C-alpha atoms as a PDB file:
ATOM      1  CA  UNK A   1     126.273 121.505 106.051  1.00  0.00           C
ATOM      2  CA  UNK A   2     129.529 120.252 107.502  1.00  0.00           C
ATOM      3  CA  UNK A   3     129.236 117.046 109.538  1.00  0.00           C
ATOM      4  CA  UNK A   4     132.149 116.209 111.847  1.00  0.00           C
ATOM      5  CA  UNK A   5     132.815 112.834 113.463  1.00  0.00           C
ATOM      6  CA  UNK A   6     135.001 112.229 116.521  1.00  0.00           C
ATOM      7  CA  UNK A   7     136.556 109.193 118.260  1.00  0.00           C
ATOM      8  CA  UNK A   8     134.929 105.831 117.508  1.00  0.00           C
ATOM      9  CA  UNK A   9     132.242 107.491 115.376  1.00  0.00           C
ATOM     10  CA  UNK A  10     134.988 108.654 112.999  1.00  0.00           C
ATOM     11  CA  UNK A  11     136.573 105.196 113.086  1.00  0.00           C
ATOM     12  CA  UNK A  12     133.326 103.444 112.144  1.00  0.00           C
ATOM     13  CA  UNK A  13     132.434 105.869 109.374  1.00  0.00           C
ATOM     14  CA  UNK A  14     135.997 106.224 108.136  1.00  0.00           C
ATOM     15  CA  UNK A  15     135.906 110.005 107.723  1.00  0.00           C
ATOM     16  CA  UNK A  16     136.773 112.877 110.058  1.00  0.00           C
ATOM     17  CA  UNK A  17     134.217 115.149 108.367  1.00  0.00           C
ATOM     18  CA  UNK A  18     132.172 115.625 105.231  1.00  0.00           C
ATOM     19  CA  UNK A  19     129.882 118.111 103.564  1.00  0.00           C
ATOM     20  CA  UNK A  20     126.329 116.813 103.451  1.00  0.00           C
ATOM     21  CA  UNK A  21     123.438 118.140 101.406  1.00  0.00           C
ATOM     22  CA  UNK A  22     120.306 117.362 103.377  1.00  0.00           C
ATOM     23  CA  UNK A  23     116.675 118.300 103.781  1.00  0.00           C
ATOM     24  CA  UNK A  24     116.644 116.910 107.347  1.00  0.00           C
ATOM     25  CA  UNK A  25     114.614 119.045 109.723  1.00  0.00           C
ATOM     26  CA  UNK A  26     116.192 117.734 112.949  1.00  0.00           C
ATOM     27  CA  UNK A  27     119.325 115.931 114.100  1.00  0.00           C
ATOM     28  CA  UNK A  28     117.296 112.716 114.337  1.00  0.00           C
ATOM     29  CA  UNK A  29     116.251 113.150 110.700  1.00  0.00           C
ATOM     30  CA  UNK A  30     119.880 113.657 109.689  1.00  0.00           C
ATOM     31  CA  UNK A  31     120.897 110.496 111.551  1.00  0.00           C
ATOM     32  CA  UNK A  32     118.157 108.563 109.742  1.00  0.00           C
ATOM     33  CA  UNK A  33     119.378 109.872 106.351  1.00  0.00           C
ATOM     34  CA  UNK A  34     123.003 109.051 107.106  1.00  0.00           C
ATOM     35  CA  UNK A  35     122.145 105.598 108.466  1.00  0.00           C
ATOM     36  CA  UNK A  36     120.412 104.723 105.197  1.00  0.00           C
ATOM     37  CA  UNK A  37     123.545 105.539 103.152  1.00  0.00           C
ATOM     38  CA  UNK A  38     125.752 102.574 104.015  1.00  0.00           C
ATOM     39  CA  UNK A  39     126.305  99.970 106.710  1.00  0.00           C
ATOM     40  CA  UNK A  40     129.203 101.936 108.212  1.00  0.00           C
ATOM     41  CA  UNK A  41     126.870 104.855 108.988  1.00  0.00           C
ATOM     42  CA  UNK A  42     124.204 102.501 110.333  1.00  0.00           C
ATOM     43  CA  UNK A  43     126.821 100.954 112.631  1.00  0.00           C
ATOM     44  CA  UNK A  44     127.992 104.353 113.879  1.00  0.00           C
ATOM     45  CA  UNK A  45     124.456 105.501 114.672  1.00  0.00           C
ATOM     46  CA  UNK A  46     123.041 102.167 115.879  1.00  0.00           C
ATOM     47  CA  UNK A  47     122.881 103.336 119.502  1.00  0.00           C
ATOM     48  CA  UNK A  48     122.428 107.091 119.718  1.00  0.00           C
ATOM     49  CA  UNK A  49     122.239 106.872 123.511  1.00  0.00           C
ATOM     50  CA  UNK A  50     126.036 106.421 123.273  1.00  0.00           C
ATOM     51  CA  UNK A  51     126.402 109.678 121.325  1.00  0.00           C
ATOM     52  CA  UNK A  52     126.351 113.409 121.912  1.00  0.00           C
ATOM     53  CA  UNK A  53     125.758 116.091 119.312  1.00  0.00           C
ATOM     54  CA  UNK A  54     126.866 119.690 118.960  1.00  0.00           C
ATOM     55  CA  UNK A  55     125.327 122.192 116.568  1.00  0.00           C
ATOM     56  CA  UNK A  56     127.672 124.997 115.575  1.00  0.00           C
ATOM     57  CA  UNK A  57     129.915 123.958 118.496  1.00  0.00           C
ATOM     58  CA  UNK A  58     127.169 124.045 121.159  1.00  0.00           C
ATOM     59  CA  UNK A  59     125.863 120.882 122.825  1.00  0.00           C
ATOM     60  CA  UNK A  60     122.363 120.106 121.679  1.00  0.00           C
ATOM     61  CA  UNK A  61     119.578 117.530 121.660  1.00  0.00           C
ATOM     62  CA  UNK A  62     118.792 115.041 118.921  1.00  0.00           C
ATOM     63  CA  UNK A  63     115.372 116.609 118.346  1.00  0.00           C
ATOM     64  CA  UNK A  64     116.923 120.054 117.757  1.00  0.00           C
ATOM     65  CA  UNK A  65     116.094 121.754 114.447  1.00  0.00           C
ATOM     66  CA  UNK A  66     118.808 122.071 111.824  1.00  0.00           C
ATOM     67  CA  UNK A  67     117.503 125.243 110.185  1.00  0.00           C
ATOM     68  CA  UNK A  68     120.440 127.632 109.817  1.00  0.00           C
ATOM     69  CA  UNK A  69     122.979 125.190 111.307  1.00  0.00           C
ATOM     70  CA  UNK A  70     126.339 125.147 109.532  1.00  0.00           C
ATOM     71  CA  UNK A  71     128.083 122.347 111.480  1.00  0.00           C
ATOM     72  CA  UNK A  72     126.893 119.179 113.194  1.00  0.00           C
ATOM     73  CA  UNK A  73     129.401 117.216 115.278  1.00  0.00           C
ATOM     74  CA  UNK A  74     128.871 113.691 116.616  1.00  0.00           C
ATOM     75  CA  UNK A  75     130.999 112.294 119.421  1.00  0.00           C
ATOM     76  CA  UNK A  76     130.850 109.909 122.405  1.00  0.00           C
ATOM     77  CA  UNK A  77     130.279 111.326 125.886  1.00  0.00           C
ATOM     78  CA  UNK A  78     133.406 112.870 127.339  1.00  0.00           C
ATOM     79  CA  UNK A  79     134.790 111.963 130.724  1.00  0.00           C
ATOM     80  CA  UNK A  80     136.675 114.246 133.047  1.00  0.00           C
ATOM     81  CA  UNK A  81     139.988 113.511 134.561  1.00  0.00           C
END
């Protein structure tokens, strides 16, 4: 699965995107797996209330299943203007 990072999430992790092999059932499970990798991932996902997630380019919830998902994107909330 392709995992994409935007804004400060990308800055903390140091990558714009990566291909991840995972057995995670939900977005929360994926976050837990990534957070265990290295401190930079743990720092990026330390406060998921400050994050939004999109699955295959559609906004989703963190408890959403990942079965069949090709792309997960993490980003901070967007503001209008």
